[in-house]
Amino acid sequence: MLKQSAVLAALAATLLTSSAWAEQRDERAGNCDDAKKQMDYFCNRENSANDTMVAVGTACTNARKNLAAACEGVIEEDQAYKFDDK
C-alpha cells in the first residue's frame, strides 16, 4: 500500500509539473506581441530586397517557431541559417 501511495504521489507531482510547464511561454524572441511583429516582418517577401535574412526564408520559419513558443508554449528548435558560398 505504501508503495502504491508513493507511485501515485509521484504521478500527481509529474502531472502538476507538466501542466505548470504547459502554461509557461518561451520568450527567446520576446513576448507574444514581439514575436508576432517579427513574424510579420520576416515572412513578408516584400522585405527580401533589403534584408538577406528574409530572402533566405529561414528567418520566417524561425519567426513562426518563436511565435508558437511565445504565444502557445510550443517549443521547437530553430533551423540553422545556411547561406550559399558562391
N, C-alpha and C. Protein backbone atom coordinates (compact mmCIF):
# COMPACT_ATOMS: atom_id res chain seq x y z
N MET A 1 0.83 -1.20 0.00
CA MET A 1 0.00 0.00 0.00
C MET A 1 0.87 1.26 0.00
N LEU A 2 1.93 1.22 0.79
CA LEU A 2 2.83 2.37 0.86
C LEU A 2 3.51 2.62 -0.48
N LYS A 3 3.84 1.51 -1.16
CA LYS A 3 4.48 1.62 -2.47
C LYS A 3 3.52 2.27 -3.48
N GLN A 4 2.25 1.87 -3.43
CA GLN A 4 1.26 2.45 -4.34
C GLN A 4 1.06 3.93 -4.06
N SER A 5 1.05 4.31 -2.80
CA SER A 5 0.90 5.72 -2.43
C SER A 5 2.06 6.55 -2.96
N ALA A 6 3.26 5.99 -2.88
CA ALA A 6 4.44 6.71 -3.38
C ALA A 6 4.35 6.89 -4.89
N VAL A 7 3.92 5.85 -5.58
CA VAL A 7 3.78 5.93 -7.05
C VAL A 7 2.71 6.94 -7.42
N LEU A 8 1.58 6.91 -6.73
CA LEU A 8 0.51 7.87 -7.01
C LEU A 8 0.95 9.30 -6.71
N ALA A 9 1.70 9.49 -5.65
CA ALA A 9 2.20 10.83 -5.31
C ALA A 9 3.16 11.33 -6.38
N ALA A 10 4.03 10.45 -6.85
CA ALA A 10 4.98 10.83 -7.91
C ALA A 10 4.24 11.16 -9.20
N LEU A 11 3.22 10.37 -9.52
CA LEU A 11 2.43 10.63 -10.72
C LEU A 11 1.70 11.97 -10.61
N ALA A 12 1.13 12.24 -9.46
CA ALA A 12 0.42 13.51 -9.26
C ALA A 12 1.38 14.69 -9.38
N ALA A 13 2.57 14.57 -8.82
CA ALA A 13 3.57 15.63 -8.91
C ALA A 13 3.99 15.85 -10.35
N THR A 14 4.14 14.77 -11.11
CA THR A 14 4.51 14.88 -12.52
C THR A 14 3.42 15.59 -13.31
N LEU A 15 2.18 15.24 -13.07
CA LEU A 15 1.08 15.89 -13.78
C LEU A 15 0.99 17.37 -13.45
N LEU A 16 1.16 17.72 -12.19
CA LEU A 16 1.13 19.13 -11.80
C LEU A 16 2.27 19.90 -12.43
N THR A 17 3.46 19.29 -12.45
CA THR A 17 4.61 19.94 -13.05
C THR A 17 4.40 20.10 -14.56
N SER A 18 3.85 19.07 -15.20
CA SER A 18 3.60 19.13 -16.64
C SER A 18 2.60 20.22 -16.99
N SER A 19 1.54 20.34 -16.20
CA SER A 19 0.54 21.37 -16.51
C SER A 19 1.11 22.76 -16.24
N ALA A 20 1.94 22.90 -15.23
CA ALA A 20 2.59 24.20 -14.97
C ALA A 20 3.54 24.53 -16.10
N TRP A 21 4.26 23.53 -16.60
CA TRP A 21 5.19 23.75 -17.71
C TRP A 21 4.43 24.17 -18.97
N ALA A 22 3.26 23.58 -19.21
CA ALA A 22 2.48 23.90 -20.40
C ALA A 22 2.02 25.35 -20.38
N GLU A 23 1.85 25.92 -19.19
CA GLU A 23 1.41 27.31 -19.08
C GLU A 23 2.56 28.29 -19.31
N GLN A 24 3.79 27.82 -19.26
CA GLN A 24 4.93 28.71 -19.45
C GLN A 24 5.09 29.02 -20.93
N ARG A 25 5.68 30.16 -21.19
CA ARG A 25 5.94 30.57 -22.57
C ARG A 25 7.43 30.83 -22.73
N ASP A 26 7.97 30.41 -23.86
CA ASP A 26 9.37 30.65 -24.16
C ASP A 26 9.44 32.01 -24.85
N GLU A 27 10.08 32.95 -24.21
CA GLU A 27 10.15 34.30 -24.77
C GLU A 27 11.55 34.61 -25.28
N ARG A 28 12.17 33.63 -25.96
CA ARG A 28 13.51 33.84 -26.52
C ARG A 28 13.51 34.95 -27.56
N ALA A 29 12.37 35.19 -28.17
CA ALA A 29 12.27 36.24 -29.19
C ALA A 29 11.40 37.38 -28.68
N GLY A 30 11.20 37.45 -27.39
CA GLY A 30 10.33 38.47 -26.82
C GLY A 30 8.99 37.86 -26.45
N ASN A 31 8.08 38.72 -26.07
CA ASN A 31 6.75 38.23 -25.70
C ASN A 31 5.93 37.93 -26.95
N CYS A 32 4.70 37.55 -26.78
CA CYS A 32 3.84 37.15 -27.90
C CYS A 32 3.70 38.27 -28.93
N ASP A 33 3.49 39.49 -28.47
CA ASP A 33 3.35 40.62 -29.41
C ASP A 33 4.64 40.86 -30.19
N ASP A 34 5.78 40.77 -29.51
CA ASP A 34 7.07 40.93 -30.19
C ASP A 34 7.24 39.86 -31.27
N ALA A 35 6.91 38.63 -30.93
CA ALA A 35 7.06 37.52 -31.86
C ALA A 35 6.15 37.71 -33.08
N LYS A 36 4.94 38.23 -32.87
CA LYS A 36 4.02 38.49 -33.99
C LYS A 36 4.62 39.53 -34.94
N LYS A 37 5.21 40.59 -34.38
CA LYS A 37 5.83 41.63 -35.21
C LYS A 37 7.00 41.07 -36.00
N GLN A 38 7.81 40.22 -35.36
CA GLN A 38 8.94 39.62 -36.06
C GLN A 38 8.46 38.72 -37.19
N MET A 39 7.42 37.94 -36.94
CA MET A 39 6.90 37.08 -37.99
C MET A 39 6.33 37.91 -39.14
N ASP A 40 5.60 38.97 -38.82
CA ASP A 40 5.06 39.85 -39.86
C ASP A 40 6.17 40.38 -40.75
N TYR A 41 7.30 40.74 -40.15
CA TYR A 41 8.42 41.30 -40.92
C TYR A 41 9.13 40.21 -41.72
N PHE A 42 9.58 39.15 -41.03
CA PHE A 42 10.42 38.14 -41.68
C PHE A 42 9.67 37.27 -42.67
N CYS A 43 8.34 37.20 -42.58
CA CYS A 43 7.56 36.40 -43.53
C CYS A 43 6.97 37.24 -44.65
N ASN A 44 7.28 38.52 -44.69
CA ASN A 44 6.81 39.42 -45.74
C ASN A 44 7.85 39.46 -46.85
N ARG A 45 7.57 38.83 -47.98
CA ARG A 45 8.54 38.74 -49.09
C ARG A 45 8.91 40.11 -49.65
N GLU A 46 8.10 41.12 -49.41
CA GLU A 46 8.43 42.46 -49.89
C GLU A 46 9.70 43.00 -49.22
N ASN A 47 10.06 42.46 -48.06
CA ASN A 47 11.25 42.90 -47.35
C ASN A 47 12.52 42.20 -47.84
N SER A 48 12.38 41.23 -48.74
CA SER A 48 13.53 40.43 -49.15
C SER A 48 14.55 41.22 -49.97
N ALA A 49 14.11 42.27 -50.64
CA ALA A 49 15.05 43.06 -51.44
C ALA A 49 16.05 43.79 -50.55
N ASN A 50 15.65 44.11 -49.34
CA ASN A 50 16.51 44.88 -48.43
C ASN A 50 17.07 44.07 -47.27
N ASP A 51 16.67 42.82 -47.16
CA ASP A 51 17.08 42.03 -45.99
C ASP A 51 17.36 40.59 -46.42
N THR A 52 18.63 40.21 -46.37
CA THR A 52 19.05 38.86 -46.77
C THR A 52 18.37 37.80 -45.92
N MET A 53 18.13 38.09 -44.66
CA MET A 53 17.51 37.10 -43.77
C MET A 53 16.09 36.78 -44.24
N VAL A 54 15.40 37.73 -44.80
CA VAL A 54 14.05 37.48 -45.33
C VAL A 54 14.17 36.67 -46.62
N ALA A 55 15.13 37.02 -47.45
CA ALA A 55 15.31 36.35 -48.74
C ALA A 55 15.62 34.87 -48.56
N VAL A 56 16.40 34.52 -47.55
CA VAL A 56 16.78 33.13 -47.32
C VAL A 56 15.57 32.28 -46.92
N GLY A 57 14.65 32.84 -46.17
CA GLY A 57 13.44 32.13 -45.77
C GLY A 57 13.53 31.45 -44.41
N THR A 58 14.72 31.16 -43.96
CA THR A 58 14.90 30.52 -42.65
C THR A 58 14.38 31.41 -41.54
N ALA A 59 14.54 32.72 -41.69
CA ALA A 59 14.10 33.66 -40.65
C ALA A 59 12.58 33.58 -40.49
N CYS A 60 11.86 33.39 -41.56
CA CYS A 60 10.40 33.26 -41.47
C CYS A 60 10.03 31.99 -40.71
N THR A 61 10.68 30.89 -41.07
CA THR A 61 10.41 29.63 -40.38
C THR A 61 10.69 29.76 -38.89
N ASN A 62 11.82 30.36 -38.54
CA ASN A 62 12.18 30.53 -37.14
C ASN A 62 11.26 31.52 -36.44
N ALA A 63 10.81 32.55 -37.15
CA ALA A 63 9.87 33.51 -36.56
C ALA A 63 8.55 32.83 -36.23
N ARG A 64 8.12 31.92 -37.08
CA ARG A 64 6.89 31.16 -36.80
C ARG A 64 7.06 30.28 -35.57
N LYS A 65 8.24 29.67 -35.43
CA LYS A 65 8.52 28.84 -34.26
C LYS A 65 8.58 29.71 -33.00
N ASN A 66 9.17 30.90 -33.12
CA ASN A 66 9.23 31.81 -31.98
C ASN A 66 7.83 32.26 -31.57
N LEU A 67 6.97 32.49 -32.55
CA LEU A 67 5.59 32.88 -32.27
C LEU A 67 4.87 31.76 -31.51
N ALA A 68 5.03 30.54 -31.98
CA ALA A 68 4.40 29.40 -31.30
C ALA A 68 4.93 29.25 -29.88
N ALA A 69 6.23 29.50 -29.70
CA ALA A 69 6.83 29.37 -28.37
C ALA A 69 6.33 30.46 -27.43
N ALA A 70 6.29 31.70 -27.92
CA ALA A 70 5.92 32.83 -27.07
C ALA A 70 4.41 32.89 -26.80
N CYS A 71 3.61 32.49 -27.77
CA CYS A 71 2.16 32.63 -27.63
C CYS A 71 1.46 31.36 -27.17
N GLU A 72 2.00 30.20 -27.55
CA GLU A 72 1.31 28.94 -27.28
C GLU A 72 2.09 27.99 -26.39
N GLY A 73 3.36 28.29 -26.14
CA GLY A 73 4.19 27.40 -25.34
C GLY A 73 4.70 26.19 -26.09
N VAL A 74 4.58 26.19 -27.43
CA VAL A 74 5.07 25.09 -28.26
C VAL A 74 6.51 25.41 -28.63
N ILE A 75 7.42 24.59 -28.14
CA ILE A 75 8.84 24.90 -28.31
C ILE A 75 9.48 23.92 -29.27
N GLU A 76 10.03 24.45 -30.36
CA GLU A 76 10.78 23.67 -31.35
C GLU A 76 12.12 24.35 -31.56
N GLU A 77 13.11 23.57 -31.89
CA GLU A 77 14.44 24.11 -32.15
C GLU A 77 14.43 24.90 -33.45
N ASP A 78 15.14 26.03 -33.46
CA ASP A 78 15.24 26.84 -34.67
C ASP A 78 16.05 26.11 -35.73
N GLN A 79 15.77 26.43 -37.00
CA GLN A 79 16.58 25.93 -38.09
C GLN A 79 17.89 26.69 -38.13
N ALA A 80 18.94 26.03 -38.59
CA ALA A 80 20.23 26.70 -38.74
C ALA A 80 20.18 27.58 -39.98
N TYR A 81 20.83 28.71 -39.92
CA TYR A 81 20.92 29.60 -41.07
C TYR A 81 22.05 29.13 -41.95
N LYS A 82 21.75 28.88 -43.23
CA LYS A 82 22.77 28.42 -44.18
C LYS A 82 22.71 29.31 -45.40
N PHE A 83 23.87 29.79 -45.78
CA PHE A 83 23.96 30.66 -46.95
C PHE A 83 24.85 29.97 -47.98
N ASP A 84 24.49 30.12 -49.24
CA ASP A 84 25.32 29.57 -50.30
C ASP A 84 26.59 30.37 -50.42
N ASP A 85 27.71 29.69 -50.53
CA ASP A 85 29.01 30.36 -50.72
C ASP A 85 29.33 30.39 -52.20
N LYS A 86 28.81 31.38 -52.88
CA LYS A 86 29.04 31.50 -54.32
C LYS A 86 30.04 32.56 -54.62
